[in-house]
Amino acid sequence: MTDRDGDRLEWGDFKFLGKHETLMIDEALKSVGEHGEVHLVVAKGKLRFLSIEVSHDVLKWQPGEPL
């Protein structure tokens, strides 16, 4: 993995997130789709919760269609 400058990053370079948490956040971001938010909740200095909010465009959605 590399940073925005193209420098190689190792998992040990991260101070807060491990590989598991990074992959979890990436999966959450993919699940949001076109509109939405991913919230990270930290408790006692550790990532504890991840909340996913998906929004739907009211100009595109039709009543009766699955969300």
PDB file of N, CA and C in Angstrom:
ATOM      1  N   MET A   1       0.853  -1.162   0.000  1.00  0.00           N
ATOM      2  CA  MET A   1       0.000   0.000   0.000  1.00  0.00           C
ATOM      3  C   MET A   1       0.904   1.231   0.000  1.00  0.00           C
ATOM      4  N   THR A   2       0.437   2.289  -0.644  1.00  0.00           N
ATOM      5  CA  THR A   2       1.210   3.526  -0.685  1.00  0.00           C
ATOM      6  C   THR A   2       0.357   4.691  -0.217  1.00  0.00           C
ATOM      7  N   ASP A   3       1.028   5.756   0.214  1.00  0.00           N
ATOM      8  CA  ASP A   3       0.297   6.958   0.588  1.00  0.00           C
ATOM      9  C   ASP A   3       0.101   7.819  -0.662  1.00  0.00           C
ATOM     10  N   ARG A   4      -0.473   8.988  -0.496  1.00  0.00           N
ATOM     11  CA  ARG A   4      -0.776   9.851  -1.643  1.00  0.00           C
ATOM     12  C   ARG A   4       0.464  10.334  -2.385  1.00  0.00           C
ATOM     13  N   ASP A   5       1.610  10.335  -1.706  1.00  0.00           N
ATOM     14  CA  ASP A   5       2.859  10.745  -2.345  1.00  0.00           C
ATOM     15  C   ASP A   5       3.546   9.583  -3.042  1.00  0.00           C
ATOM     16  N   GLY A   6       2.974   8.401  -2.958  1.00  0.00           N
ATOM     17  CA  GLY A   6       3.562   7.226  -3.584  1.00  0.00           C
ATOM     18  C   GLY A   6       4.551   6.491  -2.706  1.00  0.00           C
ATOM     19  N   ASP A   7       4.728   6.945  -1.456  1.00  0.00           N
ATOM     20  CA  ASP A   7       5.639   6.271  -0.536  1.00  0.00           C
ATOM     21  C   ASP A   7       4.970   5.005  -0.008  1.00  0.00           C
ATOM     22  N   ARG A   8       5.739   3.942   0.099  1.00  0.00           N
ATOM     23  CA  ARG A   8       5.205   2.663   0.567  1.00  0.00           C
ATOM     24  C   ARG A   8       4.884   2.731   2.061  1.00  0.00           C
ATOM     25  N   LEU A   9       3.710   2.218   2.410  1.00  0.00           N
ATOM     26  CA  LEU A   9       3.282   2.147   3.813  1.00  0.00           C
ATOM     27  C   LEU A   9       3.283   0.693   4.265  1.00  0.00           C
ATOM     28  N   GLU A  10       3.659   0.477   5.482  1.00  0.00           N
ATOM     29  CA  GLU A  10       3.587  -0.837   6.105  1.00  0.00           C
ATOM     30  C   GLU A  10       2.525  -0.767   7.198  1.00  0.00           C
ATOM     31  N   TRP A  11       1.929  -1.915   7.537  1.00  0.00           N
ATOM     32  CA  TRP A  11       0.876  -1.904   8.555  1.00  0.00           C
ATOM     33  C   TRP A  11       1.389  -1.357   9.876  1.00  0.00           C
ATOM     34  N   GLY A  12       2.666  -1.535  10.171  1.00  0.00           N
ATOM     35  CA  GLY A  12       3.237  -1.011  11.401  1.00  0.00           C
ATOM     36  C   GLY A  12       3.308   0.506  11.443  1.00  0.00           C
ATOM     37  N   ASP A  13       3.134   1.162  10.269  1.00  0.00           N
ATOM     38  CA  ASP A  13       3.166   2.619  10.205  1.00  0.00           C
ATOM     39  C   ASP A  13       1.906   3.248  10.796  1.00  0.00           C
ATOM     40  N   PHE A  14       0.836   2.482  10.881  1.00  0.00           N
ATOM     41  CA  PHE A  14      -0.423   3.009  11.391  1.00  0.00           C
ATOM     42  C   PHE A  14      -0.414   2.989  12.909  1.00  0.00           C
ATOM     43  N   LYS A  15      -0.825   4.076  13.518  1.00  0.00           N
ATOM     44  CA  LYS A  15      -0.833   4.176  14.974  1.00  0.00           C
ATOM     45  C   LYS A  15      -2.190   3.832  15.579  1.00  0.00           C
ATOM     46  N   PHE A  16      -3.262   3.990  14.794  1.00  0.00           N
ATOM     47  CA  PHE A  16      -4.601   3.836  15.347  1.00  0.00           C
ATOM     48  C   PHE A  16      -5.357   2.667  14.727  1.00  0.00           C
ATOM     49  N   LEU A  17      -5.171   2.439  13.430  1.00  0.00           N
ATOM     50  CA  LEU A  17      -5.923   1.404  12.736  1.00  0.00           C
ATOM     51  C   LEU A  17      -5.031   0.233  12.366  1.00  0.00           C
ATOM     52  N   GLY A  18      -5.555  -0.963  12.553  1.00  0.00           N
ATOM     53  CA  GLY A  18      -4.878  -2.164  12.098  1.00  0.00           C
ATOM     54  C   GLY A  18      -5.459  -2.581  10.755  1.00  0.00           C
ATOM     55  N   LYS A  19      -4.940  -3.662  10.224  1.00  0.00           N
ATOM     56  CA  LYS A  19      -5.412  -4.159   8.928  1.00  0.00           C
ATOM     57  C   LYS A  19      -6.904  -4.498   8.982  1.00  0.00           C
ATOM     58  N   HIS A  20      -7.337  -5.142  10.058  1.00  0.00           N
ATOM     59  CA  HIS A  20      -8.740  -5.542  10.202  1.00  0.00           C
ATOM     60  C   HIS A  20      -9.665  -4.319  10.166  1.00  0.00           C
ATOM     61  N   GLU A  21      -9.320  -3.299  10.944  1.00  0.00           N
ATOM     62  CA  GLU A  21     -10.161  -2.096  11.004  1.00  0.00           C
ATOM     63  C   GLU A  21     -10.157  -1.351   9.665  1.00  0.00           C
ATOM     64  N   THR A  22      -9.008  -1.303   9.025  1.00  0.00           N
ATOM     65  CA  THR A  22      -8.905  -0.626   7.732  1.00  0.00           C
ATOM     66  C   THR A  22      -9.768  -1.318   6.688  1.00  0.00           C
ATOM     67  N   LEU A  23      -9.731  -2.640   6.654  1.00  0.00           N
ATOM     68  CA  LEU A  23     -10.554  -3.389   5.697  1.00  0.00           C
ATOM     69  C   LEU A  23     -12.038  -3.233   6.014  1.00  0.00           C
ATOM     70  N   MET A  24     -12.382  -3.174   7.308  1.00  0.00           N
ATOM     71  CA  MET A  24     -13.770  -2.987   7.713  1.00  0.00           C
ATOM     72  C   MET A  24     -14.289  -1.621   7.247  1.00  0.00           C
ATOM     73  N   ILE A  25     -13.491  -0.591   7.426  1.00  0.00           N
ATOM     74  CA  ILE A  25     -13.890   0.759   7.002  1.00  0.00           C
ATOM     75  C   ILE A  25     -14.039   0.812   5.491  1.00  0.00           C
ATOM     76  N   ASP A  26     -13.117   0.181   4.766  1.00  0.00           N
ATOM     77  CA  ASP A  26     -13.193   0.155   3.312  1.00  0.00           C
ATOM     78  C   ASP A  26     -14.473  -0.535   2.846  1.00  0.00           C
ATOM     79  N   GLU A  27     -14.820  -1.649   3.485  1.00  0.00           N
ATOM     80  CA  GLU A  27     -16.052  -2.356   3.145  1.00  0.00           C
ATOM     81  C   GLU A  27     -17.280  -1.493   3.433  1.00  0.00           C
ATOM     82  N   ALA A  28     -17.275  -0.782   4.550  1.00  0.00           N
ATOM     83  CA  ALA A  28     -18.392   0.105   4.899  1.00  0.00           C
ATOM     84  C   ALA A  28     -18.542   1.213   3.860  1.00  0.00           C
ATOM     85  N   LEU A  29     -17.423   1.787   3.428  1.00  0.00           N
ATOM     86  CA  LEU A  29     -17.478   2.850   2.418  1.00  0.00           C
ATOM     87  C   LEU A  29     -18.042   2.324   1.097  1.00  0.00           C
ATOM     88  N   LYS A  30     -17.701   1.103   0.732  1.00  0.00           N
ATOM     89  CA  LYS A  30     -18.235   0.509  -0.495  1.00  0.00           C
ATOM     90  C   LYS A  30     -19.741   0.285  -0.381  1.00  0.00           C
ATOM     91  N   SER A  31     -20.221  -0.061   0.814  1.00  0.00           N
ATOM     92  CA  SER A  31     -21.642  -0.373   0.995  1.00  0.00           C
ATOM     93  C   SER A  31     -22.530   0.866   0.957  1.00  0.00           C
ATOM     94  N   VAL A  32     -21.951   2.039   1.158  1.00  0.00           N
ATOM     95  CA  VAL A  32     -22.734   3.278   1.191  1.00  0.00           C
ATOM     96  C   VAL A  32     -23.365   3.566  -0.170  1.00  0.00           C
ATOM     97  N   GLY A  33     -22.677   3.229  -1.232  1.00  0.00           N
ATOM     98  CA  GLY A  33     -23.213   3.484  -2.564  1.00  0.00           C
ATOM     99  C   GLY A  33     -23.051   4.929  -2.970  1.00  0.00           C
ATOM    100  N   GLU A  34     -24.039   5.435  -3.686  1.00  0.00           N
ATOM    101  CA  GLU A  34     -23.954   6.779  -4.261  1.00  0.00           C
ATOM    102  C   GLU A  34     -24.014   7.891  -3.216  1.00  0.00           C
ATOM    103  N   HIS A  35     -24.824   7.696  -2.172  1.00  0.00           N
ATOM    104  CA  HIS A  35     -24.983   8.713  -1.137  1.00  0.00           C
ATOM    105  C   HIS A  35     -24.949   8.046   0.232  1.00  0.00           C
ATOM    106  N   GLY A  36     -24.311   8.680   1.184  1.00  0.00           N
ATOM    107  CA  GLY A  36     -24.334   8.149   2.534  1.00  0.00           C
ATOM    108  C   GLY A  36     -23.143   8.607   3.340  1.00  0.00           C
ATOM    109  N   GLU A  37     -23.071   8.085   4.549  1.00  0.00           N
ATOM    110  CA  GLU A  37     -22.014   8.487   5.475  1.00  0.00           C
ATOM    111  C   GLU A  37     -21.541   7.275   6.261  1.00  0.00           C
ATOM    112  N   VAL A  38     -20.270   7.290   6.629  1.00  0.00           N
ATOM    113  CA  VAL A  38     -19.705   6.296   7.530  1.00  0.00           C
ATOM    114  C   VAL A  38     -19.163   7.061   8.728  1.00  0.00           C
ATOM    115  N   HIS A  39     -19.633   6.704   9.915  1.00  0.00           N
ATOM    116  CA  HIS A  39     -19.194   7.362  11.147  1.00  0.00           C
ATOM    117  C   HIS A  39     -18.360   6.385  11.962  1.00  0.00           C
ATOM    118  N   LEU A  40     -17.243   6.855  12.462  1.00  0.00           N
ATOM    119  CA  LEU A  40     -16.400   6.056  13.335  1.00  0.00           C
ATOM    120  C   LEU A  40     -16.559   6.585  14.758  1.00  0.00           C
ATOM    121  N   VAL A  41     -16.786   5.687  15.694  1.00  0.00           N
ATOM    122  CA  VAL A  41     -16.973   6.072  17.085  1.00  0.00           C
ATOM    123  C   VAL A  41     -15.798   5.516  17.893  1.00  0.00           C
ATOM    124  N   VAL A  42     -15.102   6.418  18.573  1.00  0.00           N
ATOM    125  CA  VAL A  42     -13.950   6.057  19.385  1.00  0.00           C
ATOM    126  C   VAL A  42     -14.335   6.159  20.856  1.00  0.00           C
ATOM    127  N   ALA A  43     -13.998   5.137  21.622  1.00  0.00           N
ATOM    128  CA  ALA A  43     -14.228   5.141  23.066  1.00  0.00           C
ATOM    129  C   ALA A  43     -12.949   4.681  23.754  1.00  0.00           C
ATOM    130  N   LYS A  44     -12.509   5.439  24.729  1.00  0.00           N
ATOM    131  CA  LYS A  44     -11.295   5.131  25.488  1.00  0.00           C
ATOM    132  C   LYS A  44     -10.090   4.916  24.572  1.00  0.00           C
ATOM    133  N   GLY A  45     -10.015   5.734  23.529  1.00  0.00           N
ATOM    134  CA  GLY A  45      -8.861   5.701  22.643  1.00  0.00           C
ATOM    135  C   GLY A  45      -8.832   4.569  21.633  1.00  0.00           C
ATOM    136  N   LYS A  46      -9.945   3.834  21.521  1.00  0.00           N
ATOM    137  CA  LYS A  46      -9.995   2.727  20.574  1.00  0.00           C
ATOM    138  C   LYS A  46     -11.245   2.833  19.710  1.00  0.00           C
ATOM    139  N   LEU A  47     -11.125   2.414  18.469  1.00  0.00           N
ATOM    140  CA  LEU A  47     -12.282   2.357  17.584  1.00  0.00           C
ATOM    141  C   LEU A  47     -13.236   1.304  18.120  1.00  0.00           C
ATOM    142  N   ARG A  48     -14.464   1.716  18.445  1.00  0.00           N
ATOM    143  CA  ARG A  48     -15.440   0.799  19.049  1.00  0.00           C
ATOM    144  C   ARG A  48     -16.613   0.496  18.138  1.00  0.00           C
ATOM    145  N   PHE A  49     -17.078   1.521  17.418  1.00  0.00           N
ATOM    146  CA  PHE A  49     -18.273   1.328  16.601  1.00  0.00           C
ATOM    147  C   PHE A  49     -18.096   1.981  15.245  1.00  0.00           C
ATOM    148  N   LEU A  50     -18.774   1.411  14.271  1.00  0.00           N
ATOM    149  CA  LEU A  50     -18.817   1.956  12.928  1.00  0.00           C
ATOM    150  C   LEU A  50     -20.294   2.020  12.550  1.00  0.00           C
ATOM    151  N   SER A  51     -20.750   3.174  12.161  1.00  0.00           N
ATOM    152  CA  SER A  51     -22.147   3.369  11.824  1.00  0.00           C
ATOM    153  C   SER A  51     -22.256   3.756  10.354  1.00  0.00           C
ATOM    154  N   ILE A  52     -23.165   3.101   9.632  1.00  0.00           N
ATOM    155  CA  ILE A  52     -23.351   3.367   8.206  1.00  0.00           C
ATOM    156  C   ILE A  52     -24.729   3.981   7.999  1.00  0.00           C
ATOM    157  N   GLU A  53     -24.758   5.132   7.357  1.00  0.00           N
ATOM    158  CA  GLU A  53     -26.017   5.793   7.019  1.00  0.00           C
ATOM    159  C   GLU A  53     -26.106   5.893   5.504  1.00  0.00           C
ATOM    160  N   VAL A  54     -27.157   5.307   4.952  1.00  0.00           N
ATOM    161  CA  VAL A  54     -27.357   5.326   3.506  1.00  0.00           C
ATOM    162  C   VAL A  54     -28.489   6.298   3.195  1.00  0.00           C
ATOM    163  N   SER A  55     -28.266   7.175   2.227  1.00  0.00           N
ATOM    164  CA  SER A  55     -29.283   8.136   1.815  1.00  0.00           C
ATOM    165  C   SER A  55     -29.818   7.747   0.442  1.00  0.00           C
ATOM    166  N   HIS A  56     -31.042   8.124   0.198  1.00  0.00           N
ATOM    167  CA  HIS A  56     -31.678   7.824  -1.085  1.00  0.00           C
ATOM    168  C   HIS A  56     -32.133   9.117  -1.736  1.00  0.00           C
ATOM    169  N   ASP A  57     -31.868   9.234  -3.002  1.00  0.00           N
ATOM    170  CA  ASP A  57     -32.226  10.427  -3.765  1.00  0.00           C
ATOM    171  C   ASP A  57     -33.735  10.411  -4.026  1.00  0.00           C
ATOM    172  N   VAL A  58     -34.463  11.350  -3.456  1.00  0.00           N
ATOM    173  CA  VAL A  58     -35.923  11.365  -3.595  1.00  0.00           C
ATOM    174  C   VAL A  58     -36.360  11.685  -5.020  1.00  0.00           C
ATOM    175  N   LEU A  59     -35.470  12.244  -5.823  1.00  0.00           N
ATOM    176  CA  LEU A  59     -35.815  12.519  -7.215  1.00  0.00           C
ATOM    177  C   LEU A  59     -35.743  11.261  -8.076  1.00  0.00           C
ATOM    178  N   LYS A  60     -35.028  10.238  -7.593  1.00  0.00           N
ATOM    179  CA  LYS A  60     -34.872   8.999  -8.363  1.00  0.00           C
ATOM    180  C   LYS A  60     -35.727   7.858  -7.815  1.00  0.00           C
ATOM    181  N   TRP A  61     -35.971   7.830  -6.519  1.00  0.00           N
ATOM    182  CA  TRP A  61     -36.689   6.737  -5.902  1.00  0.00           C
ATOM    183  C   TRP A  61     -38.190   6.868  -6.122  1.00  0.00           C
ATOM    184  N   GLN A  62     -38.838   5.746  -6.380  1.00  0.00           N
ATOM    185  CA  GLN A  62     -40.282   5.728  -6.563  1.00  0.00           C
ATOM    186  C   GLN A  62     -40.919   4.916  -5.450  1.00  0.00           C
ATOM    187  N   PRO A  63     -42.040   5.389  -4.885  1.00  0.00           N
ATOM    188  CA  PRO A  63     -42.731   4.619  -3.851  1.00  0.00           C
ATOM    189  C   PRO A  63     -43.020   3.191  -4.334  1.00  0.00           C
ATOM    190  N   GLY A  64     -42.829   2.243  -3.443  1.00  0.00           N
ATOM    191  CA  GLY A  64     -43.055   0.832  -3.792  1.00  0.00           C
ATOM    192  C   GLY A  64     -41.792   0.122  -4.243  1.00  0.00           C
ATOM    193  N   GLU A  65     -40.779   0.879  -4.679  1.00  0.00           N
ATOM    194  CA  GLU A  65     -39.511   0.257  -5.074  1.00  0.00           C
ATOM    195  C   GLU A  65     -38.710  -0.058  -3.818  1.00  0.00           C
ATOM    196  N   PRO A  66     -37.949  -1.148  -3.842  1.00  0.00           N
ATOM    197  CA  PRO A  66     -37.115  -1.439  -2.667  1.00  0.00           C
ATOM    198  C   PRO A  66     -36.043  -0.360  -2.492  1.00  0.00           C
ATOM    199  N   LEU A  67     -35.702  -0.076  -1.258  1.00  0.00           N
ATOM    200  CA  LEU A  67     -34.678   0.921  -0.982  1.00  0.00           C
ATOM    201  C   LEU A  67     -33.312   0.340  -1.148  1.00  0.00           C
TER     202      LEU A  67
END
